[in-house]
Amino acid sequence: MKKSFTFIMQLLMLLILCKLGYYLSDHLQLPIPGNVIGMILLFILLQTRILKVEWIELTSGFLVKHLAFFFIPISISLMTMGWLFIKFGLPLALTLGVSLIFGFIVSAWTVQKLSHRGEVKQHDNAHYHL
């Protein structure tokens, strides 16, 4: 019973953040979707430790574990829109390919910069302890 109550309260917290994102997107007329703003708010709250991971861990773990189920409705919808793929398939594939390559490049660059930053920090600490 306690686990169910905890799950519901954590889900309620996540839903409030999502709805707050939609509210901010609508009222500030931002070009960013409300659910993305909600995720950004969640990220900021977690990074500033205003919201502790333990407070959403049970529900977020469940949602991630069952993430594949959330793609079933959109997959079925896409199957009914075969004409859309015939008409826009090539531009869509090119867009996805370019954005995938761009994502790889940006991710690799970020990892390289962050790993170099860690090496510099270790190097500085080594000199400090001499």
N, C-alpha and C. Protein backbone atom coordinates (compact mmCIF):
# COMPACT_ATOMS: atom_id res chain seq x y z
N MET A 1 0.82 -1.20 0.00
CA MET A 1 0.00 0.00 0.00
C MET A 1 0.86 1.26 0.00
N LYS A 2 1.92 1.23 0.83
CA LYS A 2 2.80 2.40 0.91
C LYS A 2 3.53 2.62 -0.41
N LYS A 3 3.92 1.51 -1.06
CA LYS A 3 4.62 1.62 -2.34
C LYS A 3 3.70 2.22 -3.41
N SER A 4 2.44 1.83 -3.40
CA SER A 4 1.48 2.39 -4.37
C SER A 4 1.28 3.88 -4.14
N PHE A 5 1.16 4.27 -2.88
CA PHE A 5 0.99 5.69 -2.55
C PHE A 5 2.22 6.48 -2.99
N THR A 6 3.42 5.94 -2.73
CA THR A 6 4.66 6.59 -3.14
C THR A 6 4.71 6.75 -4.65
N PHE A 7 4.34 5.69 -5.35
CA PHE A 7 4.33 5.72 -6.82
C PHE A 7 3.39 6.82 -7.33
N ILE A 8 2.20 6.89 -6.77
CA ILE A 8 1.21 7.88 -7.21
C ILE A 8 1.70 9.30 -6.91
N MET A 9 2.29 9.51 -5.74
CA MET A 9 2.79 10.85 -5.40
C MET A 9 3.93 11.27 -6.32
N GLN A 10 4.83 10.32 -6.64
CA GLN A 10 5.94 10.63 -7.55
C GLN A 10 5.41 10.92 -8.95
N LEU A 11 4.43 10.15 -9.38
CA LEU A 11 3.83 10.39 -10.70
C LEU A 11 3.15 11.76 -10.72
N LEU A 12 2.50 12.11 -9.64
CA LEU A 12 1.86 13.41 -9.53
C LEU A 12 2.89 14.54 -9.63
N MET A 13 4.05 14.36 -9.00
CA MET A 13 5.12 15.36 -9.09
C MET A 13 5.59 15.55 -10.53
N LEU A 14 5.78 14.43 -11.23
CA LEU A 14 6.22 14.50 -12.63
C LEU A 14 5.15 15.14 -13.51
N LEU A 15 3.89 14.82 -13.26
CA LEU A 15 2.81 15.41 -14.04
C LEU A 15 2.68 16.91 -13.79
N ILE A 16 2.88 17.33 -12.56
CA ILE A 16 2.83 18.76 -12.25
C ILE A 16 3.93 19.50 -13.00
N LEU A 17 5.14 18.93 -13.03
CA LEU A 17 6.23 19.56 -13.77
C LEU A 17 5.91 19.63 -15.26
N CYS A 18 5.33 18.57 -15.79
CA CYS A 18 4.97 18.56 -17.21
C CYS A 18 3.90 19.61 -17.50
N LYS A 19 2.88 19.67 -16.67
CA LYS A 19 1.82 20.67 -16.86
C LYS A 19 2.35 22.09 -16.69
N LEU A 20 3.29 22.28 -15.77
CA LEU A 20 3.92 23.59 -15.59
C LEU A 20 4.67 23.99 -16.86
N GLY A 21 5.32 23.01 -17.49
CA GLY A 21 6.00 23.27 -18.75
C GLY A 21 5.03 23.70 -19.84
N TYR A 22 3.88 23.03 -19.93
CA TYR A 22 2.86 23.43 -20.90
C TYR A 22 2.33 24.83 -20.59
N TYR A 23 2.12 25.11 -19.31
CA TYR A 23 1.62 26.43 -18.91
C TYR A 23 2.61 27.52 -19.31
N LEU A 24 3.90 27.30 -19.01
CA LEU A 24 4.92 28.29 -19.36
C LEU A 24 5.02 28.47 -20.87
N SER A 25 4.95 27.37 -21.60
CA SER A 25 5.03 27.44 -23.06
C SER A 25 3.87 28.23 -23.64
N ASP A 26 2.67 28.00 -23.11
CA ASP A 26 1.49 28.71 -23.62
C ASP A 26 1.50 30.19 -23.26
N HIS A 27 1.74 30.48 -21.99
CA HIS A 27 1.60 31.86 -21.53
C HIS A 27 2.79 32.75 -21.87
N LEU A 28 3.96 32.17 -22.03
CA LEU A 28 5.12 32.97 -22.45
C LEU A 28 5.29 32.93 -23.96
N GLN A 29 4.41 32.18 -24.63
CA GLN A 29 4.43 32.02 -26.09
C GLN A 29 5.82 31.61 -26.58
N LEU A 30 6.35 30.57 -25.94
CA LEU A 30 7.67 30.06 -26.32
C LEU A 30 7.52 29.09 -27.49
N PRO A 31 8.52 29.04 -28.37
CA PRO A 31 8.44 28.11 -29.50
C PRO A 31 8.86 26.69 -29.12
N ILE A 32 9.03 26.44 -27.84
CA ILE A 32 9.46 25.13 -27.34
C ILE A 32 8.23 24.41 -26.80
N PRO A 33 8.06 23.12 -27.12
CA PRO A 33 6.91 22.37 -26.60
C PRO A 33 6.91 22.32 -25.07
N GLY A 34 5.73 22.27 -24.51
CA GLY A 34 5.58 22.28 -23.06
C GLY A 34 6.23 21.09 -22.37
N ASN A 35 6.17 19.91 -23.01
CA ASN A 35 6.79 18.75 -22.38
C ASN A 35 8.31 18.89 -22.32
N VAL A 36 8.90 19.55 -23.30
CA VAL A 36 10.35 19.78 -23.27
C VAL A 36 10.70 20.77 -22.16
N ILE A 37 9.90 21.80 -22.00
CA ILE A 37 10.13 22.76 -20.92
C ILE A 37 9.99 22.05 -19.57
N GLY A 38 9.01 21.15 -19.47
CA GLY A 38 8.85 20.37 -18.25
C GLY A 38 10.08 19.53 -17.94
N MET A 39 10.66 18.92 -18.98
CA MET A 39 11.89 18.13 -18.76
C MET A 39 13.05 19.03 -18.36
N ILE A 40 13.13 20.21 -18.95
CA ILE A 40 14.18 21.16 -18.57
C ILE A 40 14.01 21.59 -17.12
N LEU A 41 12.77 21.85 -16.71
CA LEU A 41 12.50 22.18 -15.31
C LEU A 41 12.92 21.04 -14.39
N LEU A 42 12.58 19.81 -14.77
CA LEU A 42 12.97 18.64 -13.98
C LEU A 42 14.48 18.55 -13.88
N PHE A 43 15.18 18.76 -14.99
CA PHE A 43 16.64 18.72 -14.99
C PHE A 43 17.22 19.78 -14.05
N ILE A 44 16.69 21.00 -14.14
CA ILE A 44 17.19 22.09 -13.29
C ILE A 44 16.95 21.78 -11.82
N LEU A 45 15.76 21.29 -11.50
CA LEU A 45 15.44 20.97 -10.11
C LEU A 45 16.32 19.84 -9.58
N LEU A 46 16.63 18.87 -10.43
CA LEU A 46 17.51 17.78 -10.00
C LEU A 46 18.95 18.25 -9.85
N GLN A 47 19.42 19.09 -10.76
CA GLN A 47 20.79 19.58 -10.69
C GLN A 47 21.02 20.50 -9.50
N THR A 48 20.02 21.29 -9.16
CA THR A 48 20.15 22.20 -8.02
C THR A 48 19.82 21.50 -6.70
N ARG A 49 19.46 20.24 -6.79
CA ARG A 49 19.12 19.41 -5.65
C ARG A 49 17.90 19.93 -4.87
N ILE A 50 17.08 20.74 -5.53
CA ILE A 50 15.80 21.14 -4.95
C ILE A 50 14.89 19.92 -4.93
N LEU A 51 14.96 19.13 -5.99
CA LEU A 51 14.23 17.88 -6.10
C LEU A 51 15.24 16.75 -6.02
N LYS A 52 15.05 15.88 -5.07
CA LYS A 52 15.99 14.76 -4.90
C LYS A 52 15.59 13.60 -5.81
N VAL A 53 16.57 12.87 -6.31
CA VAL A 53 16.32 11.74 -7.21
C VAL A 53 15.42 10.72 -6.52
N GLU A 54 15.62 10.52 -5.24
CA GLU A 54 14.84 9.53 -4.50
C GLU A 54 13.34 9.86 -4.53
N TRP A 55 13.01 11.13 -4.70
CA TRP A 55 11.61 11.54 -4.69
C TRP A 55 10.87 11.12 -5.96
N ILE A 56 11.59 10.79 -7.02
CA ILE A 56 10.94 10.38 -8.28
C ILE A 56 11.49 9.06 -8.81
N GLU A 57 12.35 8.43 -8.04
CA GLU A 57 13.08 7.25 -8.52
C GLU A 57 12.17 6.07 -8.85
N LEU A 58 11.20 5.78 -8.00
CA LEU A 58 10.33 4.63 -8.22
C LEU A 58 9.52 4.78 -9.51
N THR A 59 8.89 5.91 -9.66
CA THR A 59 8.04 6.14 -10.84
C THR A 59 8.87 6.28 -12.11
N SER A 60 9.97 7.01 -12.04
CA SER A 60 10.79 7.19 -13.25
C SER A 60 11.40 5.86 -13.68
N GLY A 61 11.79 5.02 -12.73
CA GLY A 61 12.30 3.70 -13.08
C GLY A 61 11.25 2.86 -13.78
N PHE A 62 10.03 2.92 -13.28
CA PHE A 62 8.92 2.19 -13.91
C PHE A 62 8.67 2.69 -15.33
N LEU A 63 8.64 4.01 -15.49
CA LEU A 63 8.38 4.58 -16.81
C LEU A 63 9.48 4.24 -17.81
N VAL A 64 10.71 4.27 -17.38
CA VAL A 64 11.82 3.92 -18.28
C VAL A 64 11.77 2.43 -18.62
N LYS A 65 11.44 1.61 -17.63
CA LYS A 65 11.36 0.17 -17.86
C LYS A 65 10.30 -0.17 -18.91
N HIS A 66 9.22 0.57 -18.93
CA HIS A 66 8.11 0.30 -19.85
C HIS A 66 8.04 1.31 -20.99
N LEU A 67 9.15 1.93 -21.31
CA LEU A 67 9.19 2.97 -22.33
C LEU A 67 8.74 2.48 -23.70
N ALA A 68 9.05 1.24 -24.03
CA ALA A 68 8.70 0.71 -25.35
C ALA A 68 7.19 0.72 -25.58
N PHE A 69 6.41 0.53 -24.53
CA PHE A 69 4.95 0.53 -24.68
C PHE A 69 4.41 1.88 -25.13
N PHE A 70 5.12 2.95 -24.81
CA PHE A 70 4.65 4.28 -25.19
C PHE A 70 4.82 4.53 -26.69
N PHE A 71 5.62 3.71 -27.36
CA PHE A 71 5.83 3.88 -28.79
C PHE A 71 4.84 3.08 -29.63
N ILE A 72 4.07 2.21 -29.02
CA ILE A 72 3.11 1.38 -29.77
C ILE A 72 2.05 2.24 -30.46
N PRO A 73 1.39 3.17 -29.77
CA PRO A 73 0.35 3.96 -30.48
C PRO A 73 0.89 4.75 -31.67
N ILE A 74 2.04 5.36 -31.53
CA ILE A 74 2.57 6.14 -32.65
C ILE A 74 3.02 5.22 -33.78
N SER A 75 3.50 4.03 -33.45
CA SER A 75 3.90 3.08 -34.49
C SER A 75 2.68 2.63 -35.30
N ILE A 76 1.59 2.38 -34.61
CA ILE A 76 0.36 1.97 -35.31
C ILE A 76 -0.15 3.12 -36.17
N SER A 77 -0.08 4.33 -35.66
CA SER A 77 -0.51 5.50 -36.45
C SER A 77 0.34 5.65 -37.70
N LEU A 78 1.63 5.40 -37.57
CA LEU A 78 2.52 5.52 -38.74
C LEU A 78 2.20 4.47 -39.80
N MET A 79 1.76 3.29 -39.36
CA MET A 79 1.42 2.25 -40.33
C MET A 79 0.23 2.65 -41.19
N THR A 80 -0.66 3.44 -40.64
CA THR A 80 -1.83 3.87 -41.41
C THR A 80 -1.51 5.04 -42.34
N MET A 81 -0.32 5.57 -42.24
CA MET A 81 0.07 6.73 -43.06
C MET A 81 1.18 6.37 -44.04
N GLY A 82 1.03 5.24 -44.71
CA GLY A 82 2.03 4.81 -45.67
C GLY A 82 2.22 5.81 -46.80
N TRP A 83 1.15 6.45 -47.21
CA TRP A 83 1.22 7.45 -48.28
C TRP A 83 2.16 8.59 -47.91
N LEU A 84 2.22 8.89 -46.62
CA LEU A 84 3.08 9.97 -46.15
C LEU A 84 4.55 9.61 -46.38
N PHE A 85 4.87 8.34 -46.13
CA PHE A 85 6.25 7.90 -46.34
C PHE A 85 6.60 7.84 -47.83
N ILE A 86 5.63 7.49 -48.64
CA ILE A 86 5.88 7.47 -50.09
C ILE A 86 6.14 8.88 -50.60
N LYS A 87 5.35 9.83 -50.12
CA LYS A 87 5.47 11.21 -50.58
C LYS A 87 6.70 11.91 -50.00
N PHE A 88 6.96 11.72 -48.71
CA PHE A 88 8.03 12.47 -48.04
C PHE A 88 9.16 11.58 -47.52
N GLY A 89 9.24 10.36 -48.00
CA GLY A 89 10.22 9.41 -47.48
C GLY A 89 11.67 9.84 -47.65
N LEU A 90 12.04 10.26 -48.86
CA LEU A 90 13.43 10.65 -49.12
C LEU A 90 13.84 11.89 -48.32
N PRO A 91 13.05 12.97 -48.34
CA PRO A 91 13.45 14.13 -47.53
C PRO A 91 13.51 13.79 -46.03
N LEU A 92 12.59 12.95 -45.59
CA LEU A 92 12.59 12.55 -44.18
C LEU A 92 13.84 11.75 -43.84
N ALA A 93 14.19 10.80 -44.71
CA ALA A 93 15.39 9.99 -44.47
C ALA A 93 16.65 10.85 -44.48
N LEU A 94 16.73 11.79 -45.42
CA LEU A 94 17.89 12.69 -45.46
C LEU A 94 17.97 13.55 -44.21
N THR A 95 16.84 14.08 -43.77
CA THR A 95 16.82 14.91 -42.57
C THR A 95 17.25 14.10 -41.35
N LEU A 96 16.71 12.90 -41.23
CA LEU A 96 17.09 12.04 -40.11
C LEU A 96 18.56 11.67 -40.16
N GLY A 97 19.06 11.36 -41.35
CA GLY A 97 20.47 11.00 -41.50
C GLY A 97 21.41 12.14 -41.14
N VAL A 98 21.10 13.34 -41.64
CA VAL A 98 21.94 14.50 -41.34
C VAL A 98 21.89 14.83 -39.85
N SER A 99 20.70 14.80 -39.26
CA SER A 99 20.60 15.11 -37.83
C SER A 99 21.27 14.04 -36.99
N LEU A 100 21.24 12.79 -37.43
CA LEU A 100 21.93 11.72 -36.71
C LEU A 100 23.44 11.94 -36.74
N ILE A 101 23.97 12.24 -37.90
CA ILE A 101 25.41 12.50 -38.02
C ILE A 101 25.80 13.73 -37.20
N PHE A 102 25.00 14.78 -37.27
CA PHE A 102 25.26 15.99 -36.49
C PHE A 102 25.23 15.67 -34.99
N GLY A 103 24.27 14.86 -34.57
CA GLY A 103 24.19 14.45 -33.16
C GLY A 103 25.41 13.67 -32.73
N PHE A 104 25.89 12.77 -33.59
CA PHE A 104 27.12 12.02 -33.28
C PHE A 104 28.31 12.96 -33.12
N ILE A 105 28.43 13.90 -34.04
CA ILE A 105 29.57 14.83 -34.00
C ILE A 105 29.53 15.68 -32.74
N VAL A 106 28.37 16.23 -32.42
CA VAL A 106 28.26 17.07 -31.23
C VAL A 106 28.50 16.24 -29.97
N SER A 107 27.98 15.03 -29.92
CA SER A 107 28.20 14.16 -28.76
C SER A 107 29.68 13.82 -28.60
N ALA A 108 30.33 13.46 -29.70
CA ALA A 108 31.75 13.12 -29.64
C ALA A 108 32.58 14.32 -29.21
N TRP A 109 32.27 15.49 -29.75
CA TRP A 109 32.99 16.71 -29.38
C TRP A 109 32.81 17.01 -27.90
N THR A 110 31.57 16.87 -27.40
CA THR A 110 31.28 17.14 -25.99
C THR A 110 32.04 16.17 -25.09
N VAL A 111 32.01 14.89 -25.42
CA VAL A 111 32.72 13.90 -24.62
C VAL A 111 34.22 14.18 -24.63
N GLN A 112 34.74 14.53 -25.79
CA GLN A 112 36.16 14.82 -25.90
C GLN A 112 36.53 16.02 -25.03
N LYS A 113 35.73 17.08 -25.08
CA LYS A 113 36.02 18.27 -24.27
C LYS A 113 35.90 17.97 -22.78
N LEU A 114 34.88 17.22 -22.39
CA LEU A 114 34.70 16.91 -20.98
C LEU A 114 35.78 15.97 -20.46
N SER A 115 36.18 15.00 -21.28
CA SER A 115 37.24 14.09 -20.83
C SER A 115 38.57 14.83 -20.74
N HIS A 116 38.81 15.76 -21.66
CA HIS A 116 40.03 16.57 -21.59
C HIS A 116 40.01 17.45 -20.35
N ARG A 117 38.85 17.97 -20.01
CA ARG A 117 38.71 18.80 -18.82
C ARG A 117 39.04 17.99 -17.56
N GLY A 118 38.61 16.73 -17.52
CA GLY A 118 38.92 15.87 -16.39
C GLY A 118 40.41 15.59 -16.29
N GLU A 119 41.07 15.40 -17.45
CA GLU A 119 42.52 15.17 -17.45
C GLU A 119 43.26 16.40 -16.94
N VAL A 120 42.82 17.57 -17.34
CA VAL A 120 43.46 18.81 -16.89
C VAL A 120 43.28 18.95 -15.39
N LYS A 121 42.11 18.64 -14.88
CA LYS A 121 41.84 18.74 -13.46
C LYS A 121 42.75 17.77 -12.68
N GLN A 122 42.89 16.53 -13.18
CA GLN A 122 43.77 15.56 -12.53
C GLN A 122 45.21 16.04 -12.58
N HIS A 123 45.61 16.62 -13.72
CA HIS A 123 46.97 17.13 -13.87
C HIS A 123 47.23 18.25 -12.87
N ASP A 124 46.28 19.17 -12.73
CA ASP A 124 46.41 20.27 -11.77
C ASP A 124 46.47 19.75 -10.34
N ASN A 125 45.66 18.76 -10.03
CA ASN A 125 45.66 18.19 -8.68
C ASN A 125 46.97 17.48 -8.38
N ALA A 126 47.57 16.86 -9.39
CA ALA A 126 48.85 16.17 -9.18
C ALA A 126 49.93 17.18 -8.81
N HIS A 127 49.95 18.33 -9.45
CA HIS A 127 50.92 19.37 -9.11
C HIS A 127 50.65 19.97 -7.74
N TYR A 128 49.40 20.02 -7.36
CA TYR A 128 49.03 20.61 -6.08
C TYR A 128 49.55 19.75 -4.93
N HIS A 129 49.55 18.42 -5.11
CA HIS A 129 49.95 17.51 -4.04
C HIS A 129 51.46 17.32 -3.96
N LEU A 130 52.23 17.90 -4.86
CA LEU A 130 53.68 17.74 -4.82
C LEU A 130 54.29 18.55 -3.77
